Amino acid sequence: MATTTRMLVLGVARIFAPANGYQLRRELVSWHVDDWAKVNPGSIYSMLSTLSRQGMLEAHALPDGARTVTVYTVTDAGLAELDRLLRDAIRAVTPMDPTGFRVAFSFAPLFERTVLATLLEERLLAVRARAAVLRGEVSRLDAEHFAPPHVGYSVQWETRMLDAEDAWLIDLIAHIRSGGLDFMDEPMTWTPAPDDEGWEMARETARYREQLDRMREAEAARPRG
């Protein structure tokens, strides 16, 4: 699950940074990632440390009243890594464990419209190729009886899951191509409810950004030598 956690943490940091670790964890927990993505909430802090150590995130110590808080921003290397992870997960067809795809699709608004549509079309081709292989396997099982009878039904199960995804992808791609959903660099059609905790996080993000800007300005103005 390390790749899944990596993608989730980079993705939520991409959306909300600068933000502190508690905020990023709280946001992911509100998505119930411990349930559908099988991510241990405690591993989020560990991943923040790992990504900072690897240069994917940058940690900044900011004063917050009487204490100091660590806030994170995504580096250029982190943005490139997130893009790679999302693209790979959207292309990868693993019907018996679709977690990676579901995580990547959770960050659909981070894509440009045409980019995601093209990636989904690539996925559709891969789904059909995998289904064709499995149908051949079912035919061999029926003809040659080289495995117990229940095995054929297990393979059919995976094949029918792929068929269901095929139909879903066709609908989704058509919806995206016709202007549906929200994407990068386009006006957003959805806003959170007035009492959503995301508004507080947005205010905190703005405050952290102002602090970081002031720190950078002070650093730039400091005499050298």
Foldseek 3Di string as FASTA:
>chain_A
DLLLLLLLLLLLLAVQPQDAQVVSLVVVVVVVCCPQVVDDSVCNVVSVVVCCVVQQKPWDWDDDPPHTTITIHGDPVVVVVNVVQLLVLLQDDDLVRNSSPVSSVVNQQAADLVVVLVSLVNNLVVLVVVLVVLVVVLVCCVVPVPDDPVVSVVSVVSSVSSVVVNVVSVVVSVCSVVPDDHHPPDDHPDDDDPPDCVVVSNVVNVVVVVRVVVVVVVVVPDDDD
